């Protein structure tokens, strides 16, 4: 496997299996910007999930230089560079299956019934974490340009066996 594609060739399309990460960086709504605070917060992450509104290929390049990356397409991700981004992704991280999409209002499945441990979304720019029926619903907020009075934030997601612990990080900018 090359750094560009860190997943085994035999992994199922639409399912991404990073090598058993213990610490995942979760980010969304960068809108073409990677702040130095993001680089600092993501030191030591073993995998990165971008929940859409990437804003440009350079964001993907910078994040891929830190750790293997999966990203979904957000409503601002248009043009040739975004053609390889899908609307949803399934990430199998250790014992946990994570469902990633940009806009939670477009969730078209029952994550509990489908066996997902977490649903990761962006779009609203409002960071949140909530447990529903044993499924963690996680929105890292926006790490891009500040919008209104919302924080600039991301999430560090720690996996240990079947347990998930999400820590919202306000980047203080």
N, C-alpha and C. Protein backbone atom coordinates (compact mmCIF):
# COMPACT_ATOMS: atom_id res chain seq x y z
N UNK A 1 0.83 -1.20 0.00
CA UNK A 1 0.00 0.00 0.00
C UNK A 1 0.87 1.25 0.00
N UNK A 2 0.52 2.20 -0.82
CA UNK A 2 1.26 3.46 -0.88
C UNK A 2 0.67 4.44 0.13
N UNK A 3 1.37 5.54 0.45
CA UNK A 3 0.81 6.52 1.38
C UNK A 3 -0.50 7.11 0.86
N UNK A 4 -0.65 7.18 -0.46
CA UNK A 4 -1.87 7.72 -1.06
C UNK A 4 -3.07 6.84 -0.71
N UNK A 5 -2.88 5.51 -0.72
CA UNK A 5 -3.95 4.58 -0.40
C UNK A 5 -3.46 3.62 0.68
N UNK A 6 -3.68 3.95 1.96
CA UNK A 6 -3.15 3.14 3.04
C UNK A 6 -3.96 1.89 3.35
N UNK A 7 -5.04 1.64 2.61
CA UNK A 7 -5.90 0.51 2.92
C UNK A 7 -5.59 -0.65 2.00
N UNK A 8 -5.79 -1.87 2.49
CA UNK A 8 -5.51 -3.05 1.66
C UNK A 8 -6.36 -3.04 0.39
N UNK A 9 -5.76 -3.54 -0.68
CA UNK A 9 -6.45 -3.56 -1.97
C UNK A 9 -7.73 -4.40 -1.91
N UNK A 10 -7.76 -5.39 -1.01
CA UNK A 10 -8.92 -6.28 -0.96
C UNK A 10 -10.04 -5.77 -0.07
N UNK A 11 -9.88 -4.56 0.49
CA UNK A 11 -10.97 -4.06 1.33
C UNK A 11 -12.17 -3.73 0.44
N UNK A 12 -13.36 -3.96 0.97
CA UNK A 12 -14.57 -3.78 0.18
C UNK A 12 -14.74 -2.32 -0.22
N UNK A 13 -15.18 -2.06 -1.45
CA UNK A 13 -15.46 -0.68 -1.83
C UNK A 13 -16.52 -0.10 -0.90
N UNK A 14 -16.35 1.14 -0.51
CA UNK A 14 -17.32 1.77 0.36
C UNK A 14 -17.07 1.48 1.83
N UNK A 15 -16.15 0.55 2.13
CA UNK A 15 -15.79 0.27 3.52
C UNK A 15 -14.30 0.52 3.65
N UNK A 16 -13.94 1.36 4.59
CA UNK A 16 -12.54 1.67 4.78
C UNK A 16 -12.11 1.10 6.11
N UNK A 17 -11.02 0.33 6.08
CA UNK A 17 -10.53 -0.32 7.29
C UNK A 17 -9.13 0.17 7.60
N UNK A 18 -9.02 1.22 8.42
CA UNK A 18 -7.69 1.63 8.84
C UNK A 18 -7.12 0.57 9.79
N UNK A 19 -5.81 0.50 9.88
CA UNK A 19 -5.18 -0.45 10.79
C UNK A 19 -5.47 -0.04 12.23
N UNK A 20 -6.35 -0.73 12.88
CA UNK A 20 -6.73 -0.57 14.29
C UNK A 20 -6.24 0.71 14.99
N UNK A 21 -6.74 1.86 14.59
CA UNK A 21 -6.30 3.10 15.25
C UNK A 21 -6.86 3.20 16.66
N UNK A 22 -6.11 3.83 17.53
CA UNK A 22 -6.59 4.09 18.87
C UNK A 22 -7.01 5.55 19.02
N UNK A 23 -6.47 6.42 18.15
CA UNK A 23 -6.81 7.84 18.23
C UNK A 23 -7.12 8.36 16.82
N UNK A 24 -8.35 8.84 16.65
CA UNK A 24 -8.82 9.33 15.35
C UNK A 24 -9.11 10.82 15.49
N UNK A 25 -8.60 11.61 14.55
CA UNK A 25 -8.95 13.02 14.47
C UNK A 25 -10.18 13.17 13.61
N UNK A 26 -11.17 13.92 14.11
CA UNK A 26 -12.42 14.13 13.37
C UNK A 26 -12.58 15.62 13.13
N UNK A 27 -12.79 15.98 11.87
CA UNK A 27 -12.83 17.39 11.48
C UNK A 27 -13.91 17.58 10.43
N UNK A 28 -14.40 18.80 10.31
CA UNK A 28 -15.42 19.09 9.30
C UNK A 28 -15.38 20.58 8.96
N UNK A 29 -15.99 20.90 7.84
CA UNK A 29 -16.23 22.29 7.45
C UNK A 29 -14.97 23.15 7.53
N UNK A 30 -13.92 22.67 6.87
CA UNK A 30 -12.66 23.44 6.81
C UNK A 30 -12.76 24.55 5.77
N UNK A 31 -13.62 24.39 4.78
CA UNK A 31 -13.85 25.41 3.75
C UNK A 31 -12.54 25.95 3.17
N UNK A 32 -11.62 25.03 2.85
CA UNK A 32 -10.38 25.42 2.17
C UNK A 32 -9.26 25.86 3.08
N UNK A 33 -9.43 25.71 4.39
CA UNK A 33 -8.45 26.25 5.34
C UNK A 33 -8.00 25.17 6.33
N UNK A 34 -6.69 25.03 6.52
CA UNK A 34 -6.19 24.17 7.60
C UNK A 34 -5.38 25.07 8.53
N UNK A 35 -5.93 25.31 9.70
CA UNK A 35 -5.29 26.19 10.68
C UNK A 35 -4.10 25.49 11.35
N UNK A 36 -3.10 26.27 11.78
CA UNK A 36 -1.97 25.67 12.52
C UNK A 36 -2.45 24.95 13.79
N UNK A 37 -3.53 25.43 14.39
CA UNK A 37 -4.07 24.80 15.60
C UNK A 37 -4.58 23.38 15.31
N UNK A 38 -5.06 23.15 14.08
CA UNK A 38 -5.50 21.82 13.68
C UNK A 38 -4.30 20.89 13.63
N UNK A 39 -3.22 21.35 13.01
CA UNK A 39 -2.01 20.53 12.90
C UNK A 39 -1.50 20.14 14.29
N UNK A 40 -1.54 21.08 15.20
CA UNK A 40 -1.08 20.83 16.56
C UNK A 40 -2.00 19.83 17.27
N UNK A 41 -3.31 20.04 17.16
CA UNK A 41 -4.28 19.16 17.83
C UNK A 41 -4.23 17.74 17.28
N UNK A 42 -3.88 17.59 16.01
CA UNK A 42 -3.86 16.27 15.37
C UNK A 42 -2.51 15.57 15.48
N UNK A 43 -1.56 16.13 16.22
CA UNK A 43 -0.29 15.44 16.43
C UNK A 43 -0.58 14.11 17.13
N UNK A 44 -0.12 13.01 16.56
CA UNK A 44 -0.30 11.71 17.20
C UNK A 44 -1.56 10.96 16.79
N UNK A 45 -2.45 11.59 16.01
CA UNK A 45 -3.62 10.82 15.56
C UNK A 45 -3.16 9.79 14.54
N UNK A 46 -3.84 8.65 14.53
CA UNK A 46 -3.46 7.55 13.64
C UNK A 46 -4.34 7.47 12.40
N UNK A 47 -5.41 8.27 12.39
CA UNK A 47 -6.35 8.26 11.29
C UNK A 47 -7.15 9.55 11.38
N UNK A 48 -7.62 10.07 10.23
CA UNK A 48 -8.40 11.31 10.23
C UNK A 48 -9.68 11.08 9.42
N UNK A 49 -10.79 11.58 9.97
CA UNK A 49 -12.07 11.56 9.27
C UNK A 49 -12.47 13.01 9.04
N UNK A 50 -12.75 13.36 7.78
CA UNK A 50 -13.23 14.70 7.43
C UNK A 50 -14.69 14.56 6.99
N UNK A 51 -15.60 15.20 7.72
CA UNK A 51 -17.03 15.05 7.47
C UNK A 51 -17.59 16.09 6.50
N UNK A 52 -16.81 16.48 5.51
CA UNK A 52 -17.32 17.28 4.41
C UNK A 52 -17.17 18.78 4.53
N UNK A 53 -17.46 19.45 3.41
CA UNK A 53 -17.14 20.86 3.19
C UNK A 53 -15.64 21.07 3.38
N UNK A 54 -14.91 20.26 2.63
CA UNK A 54 -13.45 20.30 2.62
C UNK A 54 -12.98 21.65 2.06
N UNK A 55 -13.50 22.00 0.89
CA UNK A 55 -13.21 23.30 0.31
C UNK A 55 -12.08 23.33 -0.69
N UNK A 56 -11.30 22.27 -0.82
CA UNK A 56 -10.24 22.25 -1.81
C UNK A 56 -9.28 21.10 -1.60
N UNK A 57 -8.58 20.71 -2.67
CA UNK A 57 -7.69 19.54 -2.60
C UNK A 57 -6.50 19.75 -1.67
N UNK A 58 -6.10 21.00 -1.48
CA UNK A 58 -4.94 21.25 -0.62
C UNK A 58 -5.22 20.85 0.83
N UNK A 59 -6.47 20.96 1.27
CA UNK A 59 -6.85 20.53 2.62
C UNK A 59 -6.61 19.03 2.77
N UNK A 60 -7.04 18.27 1.76
CA UNK A 60 -6.85 16.82 1.79
C UNK A 60 -5.36 16.47 1.80
N UNK A 61 -4.57 17.17 1.02
CA UNK A 61 -3.11 16.91 0.96
C UNK A 61 -2.46 17.15 2.32
N UNK A 62 -2.80 18.26 2.97
CA UNK A 62 -2.21 18.59 4.27
C UNK A 62 -2.60 17.53 5.30
N UNK A 63 -3.88 17.15 5.33
CA UNK A 63 -4.33 16.16 6.31
C UNK A 63 -3.74 14.78 6.05
N UNK A 64 -3.63 14.40 4.76
CA UNK A 64 -3.04 13.10 4.40
C UNK A 64 -1.58 13.02 4.82
N UNK A 65 -0.90 14.16 4.90
CA UNK A 65 0.49 14.16 5.34
C UNK A 65 0.61 13.84 6.83
N UNK A 66 -0.49 14.04 7.58
CA UNK A 66 -0.48 13.75 9.02
C UNK A 66 -0.82 12.30 9.32
N UNK A 67 -1.81 11.75 8.61
CA UNK A 67 -2.30 10.39 8.88
C UNK A 67 -3.20 9.95 7.73
N UNK A 68 -3.45 8.64 7.62
CA UNK A 68 -4.42 8.18 6.61
C UNK A 68 -5.74 8.92 6.82
N UNK A 69 -6.43 9.18 5.72
CA UNK A 69 -7.59 10.08 5.73
C UNK A 69 -8.75 9.48 4.95
N UNK A 70 -9.96 9.68 5.48
CA UNK A 70 -11.17 9.45 4.71
C UNK A 70 -11.97 10.75 4.79
N UNK A 71 -12.55 11.14 3.67
CA UNK A 71 -13.34 12.37 3.63
C UNK A 71 -14.59 12.12 2.79
N UNK A 72 -15.69 12.78 3.19
CA UNK A 72 -16.92 12.72 2.40
C UNK A 72 -17.16 14.09 1.77
N UNK A 73 -18.02 14.09 0.76
CA UNK A 73 -18.33 15.33 0.04
C UNK A 73 -19.37 16.14 0.82
N UNK A 74 -19.09 17.43 0.97
CA UNK A 74 -20.06 18.34 1.56
C UNK A 74 -20.70 19.17 0.46
N UNK A 75 -21.65 20.00 0.82
CA UNK A 75 -22.38 20.78 -0.18
C UNK A 75 -21.53 21.82 -0.90
N UNK A 76 -20.36 22.20 -0.35
CA UNK A 76 -19.49 23.15 -1.06
C UNK A 76 -18.41 22.45 -1.89
N UNK A 77 -18.34 21.12 -1.79
CA UNK A 77 -17.27 20.37 -2.47
C UNK A 77 -17.69 20.04 -3.89
N UNK A 78 -17.36 20.94 -4.80
CA UNK A 78 -17.72 20.81 -6.21
C UNK A 78 -16.46 20.89 -7.06
N UNK A 79 -16.57 20.46 -8.28
CA UNK A 79 -15.45 20.56 -9.19
C UNK A 79 -14.72 19.24 -9.32
N UNK A 80 -13.75 19.23 -10.22
CA UNK A 80 -13.04 18.01 -10.57
C UNK A 80 -12.33 17.39 -9.37
N UNK A 81 -11.72 18.23 -8.51
CA UNK A 81 -10.96 17.71 -7.37
C UNK A 81 -11.84 16.89 -6.43
N UNK A 82 -13.15 17.17 -6.38
CA UNK A 82 -14.04 16.53 -5.41
C UNK A 82 -14.75 15.30 -5.97
N UNK A 83 -14.47 14.94 -7.23
CA UNK A 83 -15.19 13.83 -7.86
C UNK A 83 -14.97 12.49 -7.15
N UNK A 84 -13.82 12.30 -6.52
CA UNK A 84 -13.56 11.03 -5.84
C UNK A 84 -14.17 10.96 -4.45
N UNK A 85 -14.69 12.08 -3.95
CA UNK A 85 -15.33 12.07 -2.64
C UNK A 85 -16.74 11.49 -2.78
N UNK A 86 -17.13 10.66 -1.84
CA UNK A 86 -18.47 10.08 -1.86
C UNK A 86 -19.35 10.80 -0.83
N UNK A 87 -20.65 10.59 -0.91
CA UNK A 87 -21.57 11.24 0.02
C UNK A 87 -21.52 10.62 1.41
N UNK A 88 -21.20 9.32 1.47
CA UNK A 88 -21.10 8.62 2.75
C UNK A 88 -19.91 7.68 2.72
N UNK A 89 -19.41 7.35 3.89
CA UNK A 89 -18.36 6.34 4.02
C UNK A 89 -18.65 5.50 5.25
N UNK A 90 -18.22 4.26 5.21
CA UNK A 90 -18.25 3.37 6.37
C UNK A 90 -16.80 3.12 6.75
N UNK A 91 -16.46 3.44 7.99
CA UNK A 91 -15.10 3.21 8.48
C UNK A 91 -15.17 2.12 9.54
N UNK A 92 -14.41 1.06 9.34
CA UNK A 92 -14.32 0.01 10.34
C UNK A 92 -13.02 0.22 11.09
N UNK A 93 -13.15 0.71 12.32
CA UNK A 93 -11.99 1.04 13.14
C UNK A 93 -11.99 0.12 14.35
N UNK A 94 -11.12 -0.86 14.32
CA UNK A 94 -11.08 -1.82 15.41
C UNK A 94 -12.40 -2.56 15.49
N UNK A 95 -13.03 -2.53 16.67
CA UNK A 95 -14.30 -3.23 16.89
C UNK A 95 -15.49 -2.38 16.44
N UNK A 96 -15.26 -1.15 16.02
CA UNK A 96 -16.35 -0.20 15.79
C UNK A 96 -16.55 0.12 14.32
N UNK A 97 -17.81 0.18 13.92
CA UNK A 97 -18.17 0.65 12.58
C UNK A 97 -18.71 2.07 12.73
N UNK A 98 -18.14 2.98 11.94
CA UNK A 98 -18.50 4.39 11.99
C UNK A 98 -19.12 4.78 10.64
N UNK A 99 -20.23 5.51 10.70
CA UNK A 99 -20.90 5.98 9.48
C UNK A 99 -20.63 7.47 9.34
N UNK A 100 -20.11 7.87 8.20
CA UNK A 100 -19.72 9.27 7.98
C UNK A 100 -20.54 9.86 6.84
N UNK A 101 -21.13 11.03 7.10
CA UNK A 101 -21.83 11.80 6.07
C UNK A 101 -21.72 13.27 6.44
N UNK A 102 -22.06 14.14 5.51
CA UNK A 102 -21.91 15.57 5.79
C UNK A 102 -23.09 16.12 6.59
N UNK A 103 -24.29 15.93 6.07
CA UNK A 103 -25.49 16.54 6.65
C UNK A 103 -26.32 15.46 7.35
N UNK A 104 -26.41 15.54 8.65
CA UNK A 104 -27.14 14.54 9.44
C UNK A 104 -28.59 14.42 8.98
N UNK A 105 -29.18 15.49 8.45
CA UNK A 105 -30.57 15.45 7.98
C UNK A 105 -30.73 14.53 6.77
N UNK A 106 -29.62 14.11 6.17
CA UNK A 106 -29.67 13.20 5.02
C UNK A 106 -29.42 11.75 5.43
N UNK A 107 -29.37 11.48 6.73
CA UNK A 107 -29.19 10.11 7.22
C UNK A 107 -30.40 9.28 6.81
N UNK A 108 -30.17 8.22 6.03
CA UNK A 108 -31.28 7.44 5.49
C UNK A 108 -31.25 5.99 5.96
N UNK A 109 -30.67 5.77 7.14
CA UNK A 109 -30.66 4.42 7.69
C UNK A 109 -30.77 4.52 9.21
N UNK A 110 -31.09 3.41 9.84
CA UNK A 110 -31.14 3.34 11.30
C UNK A 110 -29.78 2.84 11.75
N UNK A 111 -28.93 3.73 12.29
CA UNK A 111 -27.56 3.33 12.61
C UNK A 111 -27.49 2.24 13.67
N UNK A 112 -28.43 2.22 14.61
CA UNK A 112 -28.45 1.18 15.64
C UNK A 112 -28.72 -0.18 15.00
N UNK A 113 -29.76 -0.24 14.17
CA UNK A 113 -30.13 -1.50 13.50
C UNK A 113 -29.02 -1.96 12.55
N UNK A 114 -28.30 -1.01 11.96
CA UNK A 114 -27.24 -1.34 11.00
C UNK A 114 -25.92 -1.69 11.71
N UNK A 115 -25.88 -1.59 13.03
CA UNK A 115 -24.68 -1.99 13.76
C UNK A 115 -23.58 -0.94 13.85
N UNK A 116 -23.93 0.32 13.65
CA UNK A 116 -22.91 1.37 13.75
C UNK A 116 -22.75 1.80 15.21
N UNK A 117 -21.53 2.09 15.61
CA UNK A 117 -21.24 2.60 16.95
C UNK A 117 -21.30 4.12 16.97
N UNK A 118 -21.08 4.74 15.79
CA UNK A 118 -21.10 6.20 15.73
C UNK A 118 -21.56 6.67 14.36
N UNK A 119 -22.20 7.84 14.37
CA UNK A 119 -22.54 8.56 13.15
C UNK A 119 -21.81 9.89 13.25
N UNK A 120 -20.97 10.16 12.26
CA UNK A 120 -20.16 11.38 12.24
C UNK A 120 -20.64 12.26 11.11
N UNK A 121 -20.98 13.51 11.44
CA UNK A 121 -21.47 14.46 10.44
C UNK A 121 -20.88 15.83 10.70
N UNK A 122 -21.12 16.74 9.78
CA UNK A 122 -20.69 18.13 9.91
C UNK A 122 -21.86 19.03 9.57
N UNK A 123 -21.62 19.98 8.69
CA UNK A 123 -22.61 20.85 8.06
C UNK A 123 -23.13 21.99 8.93
N UNK A 124 -23.53 21.69 10.17
CA UNK A 124 -24.18 22.71 11.00
C UNK A 124 -23.19 23.71 11.60
N UNK A 125 -21.91 23.36 11.62
CA UNK A 125 -20.85 24.16 12.26
C UNK A 125 -20.99 24.16 13.78
N UNK A 126 -21.97 23.44 14.33
CA UNK A 126 -22.19 23.37 15.78
C UNK A 126 -21.62 22.06 16.32
N UNK A 127 -20.58 22.14 17.15
CA UNK A 127 -20.04 20.91 17.71
C UNK A 127 -21.05 20.26 18.65
N UNK A 128 -21.15 18.92 18.57
CA UNK A 128 -22.06 18.21 19.45
C UNK A 128 -21.66 16.76 19.57
N UNK A 129 -21.99 16.18 20.70
CA UNK A 129 -21.88 14.73 20.87
C UNK A 129 -23.04 14.28 21.72
N UNK A 130 -23.71 13.23 21.26
CA UNK A 130 -24.92 12.77 21.92
C UNK A 130 -25.03 11.26 21.72
N UNK A 131 -25.40 10.56 22.76
CA UNK A 131 -25.64 9.13 22.67
C UNK A 131 -27.12 8.89 22.46
N UNK A 132 -27.46 8.13 21.41
CA UNK A 132 -28.85 7.75 21.16
C UNK A 132 -28.87 6.24 20.93
N UNK A 133 -29.54 5.51 21.79
CA UNK A 133 -29.65 4.04 21.67
C UNK A 133 -28.28 3.39 21.58
N UNK A 134 -27.29 3.92 22.28
CA UNK A 134 -25.96 3.33 22.24
C UNK A 134 -25.14 3.72 21.03
N UNK A 135 -25.66 4.62 20.19
CA UNK A 135 -24.92 5.12 19.03
C UNK A 135 -24.48 6.54 19.34
N UNK A 136 -23.18 6.80 19.15
CA UNK A 136 -22.63 8.13 19.36
C UNK A 136 -22.86 8.98 18.12
N UNK A 137 -23.60 10.08 18.26
CA UNK A 137 -23.79 11.03 17.17
C UNK A 137 -22.81 12.16 17.43
N UNK A 138 -21.92 12.37 16.49
CA UNK A 138 -20.79 13.26 16.69
C UNK A 138 -20.69 14.28 15.57
N UNK A 139 -20.59 15.55 15.94
CA UNK A 139 -20.33 16.62 14.98
C UNK A 139 -19.16 17.42 15.54
N UNK A 140 -18.02 17.44 14.81
CA UNK A 140 -16.85 18.15 15.33
C UNK A 140 -16.97 19.67 15.24
N UNK A 141 -18.05 20.18 14.65
CA UNK A 141 -18.16 21.61 14.43
C UNK A 141 -17.33 22.01 13.23
N UNK A 142 -16.97 23.26 13.13
CA UNK A 142 -16.22 23.76 11.99
C UNK A 142 -14.80 24.13 12.41
N UNK A 143 -13.82 23.65 11.61
CA UNK A 143 -12.43 24.03 11.85
C UNK A 143 -11.96 25.07 10.84
N UNK A 144 -12.89 25.57 10.03
CA UNK A 144 -12.55 26.55 9.01
C UNK A 144 -12.81 27.97 9.49
N UNK A 145 -13.18 28.85 8.56
CA UNK A 145 -13.45 30.24 8.94
C UNK A 145 -14.55 30.32 9.98
N UNK A 146 -14.38 31.18 10.96
CA UNK A 146 -15.38 31.33 12.03
C UNK A 146 -16.71 31.77 11.42
N UNK A 147 -17.79 31.21 11.96
CA UNK A 147 -19.13 31.55 11.50
C UNK A 147 -19.94 31.99 12.70
N UNK A 148 -20.48 33.18 12.64
CA UNK A 148 -21.25 33.76 13.74
C UNK A 148 -20.40 33.70 15.01
N UNK A 149 -20.99 33.22 16.12
CA UNK A 149 -20.22 33.12 17.36
C UNK A 149 -19.89 31.68 17.71
N UNK A 150 -19.98 30.80 16.71
CA UNK A 150 -19.72 29.38 16.95
C UNK A 150 -18.22 29.16 17.14
N UNK A 151 -17.86 28.18 17.98
CA UNK A 151 -16.44 27.91 18.20
C UNK A 151 -15.79 27.31 16.95
N UNK A 152 -14.49 27.45 16.85
CA UNK A 152 -13.69 26.75 15.84
C UNK A 152 -13.21 25.49 16.56
N UNK A 153 -13.62 24.31 16.06
CA UNK A 153 -13.42 23.10 16.85
C UNK A 153 -13.19 21.86 16.01
N UNK A 154 -12.80 20.80 16.69
CA UNK A 154 -12.64 19.47 16.11
C UNK A 154 -12.82 18.47 17.24
N UNK A 155 -12.68 17.18 16.92
CA UNK A 155 -12.86 16.12 17.92
C UNK A 155 -11.68 15.16 17.87
N UNK A 156 -11.26 14.71 19.03
CA UNK A 156 -10.34 13.58 19.14
C UNK A 156 -11.17 12.40 19.63
N UNK A 157 -11.16 11.32 18.87
CA UNK A 157 -11.97 10.14 19.17
C UNK A 157 -11.03 9.01 19.56
N UNK A 158 -11.14 8.57 20.80
CA UNK A 158 -10.29 7.49 21.31
C UNK A 158 -11.08 6.18 21.29
N UNK A 159 -10.46 5.14 20.72
CA UNK A 159 -11.07 3.82 20.64
C UNK A 159 -10.31 2.87 21.54
N UNK A 160 -11.05 2.16 22.38
CA UNK A 160 -10.45 1.09 23.18
C UNK A 160 -11.43 -0.06 23.17
N UNK A 161 -11.09 -1.11 22.43
CA UNK A 161 -12.03 -2.23 22.26
C UNK A 161 -13.28 -1.72 21.59
N UNK A 162 -14.42 -1.93 22.27
CA UNK A 162 -15.69 -1.46 21.70
C UNK A 162 -16.09 -0.10 22.24
N UNK A 163 -15.28 0.49 23.10
CA UNK A 163 -15.68 1.78 23.67
C UNK A 163 -15.10 2.93 22.85
N UNK A 164 -15.91 3.98 22.75
CA UNK A 164 -15.53 5.19 22.04
C UNK A 164 -15.60 6.36 23.03
N UNK A 165 -14.57 7.18 23.07
CA UNK A 165 -14.59 8.37 23.91
C UNK A 165 -14.26 9.56 23.03
N UNK A 166 -15.21 10.48 22.92
CA UNK A 166 -15.04 11.65 22.05
C UNK A 166 -14.75 12.88 22.91
N UNK A 167 -13.70 13.60 22.54
CA UNK A 167 -13.35 14.83 23.25
C UNK A 167 -13.45 15.99 22.27
N UNK A 168 -14.39 16.90 22.52
CA UNK A 168 -14.51 18.10 21.69
C UNK A 168 -13.37 19.05 22.06
N UNK A 169 -12.68 19.56 21.06
CA UNK A 169 -11.57 20.47 21.27
C UNK A 169 -11.91 21.83 20.67
N UNK A 170 -12.03 22.85 21.52
CA UNK A 170 -12.21 24.22 21.04
C UNK A 170 -10.82 24.74 20.73
N UNK A 171 -10.58 25.12 19.48
CA UNK A 171 -9.23 25.55 19.07
C UNK A 171 -8.87 26.94 19.57
N UNK A 172 -9.83 27.62 20.19
CA UNK A 172 -9.55 28.88 20.84
C UNK A 172 -9.14 30.00 19.90
N UNK A 173 -9.66 29.97 18.68
CA UNK A 173 -9.31 31.04 17.73
C UNK A 173 -10.51 31.91 17.43
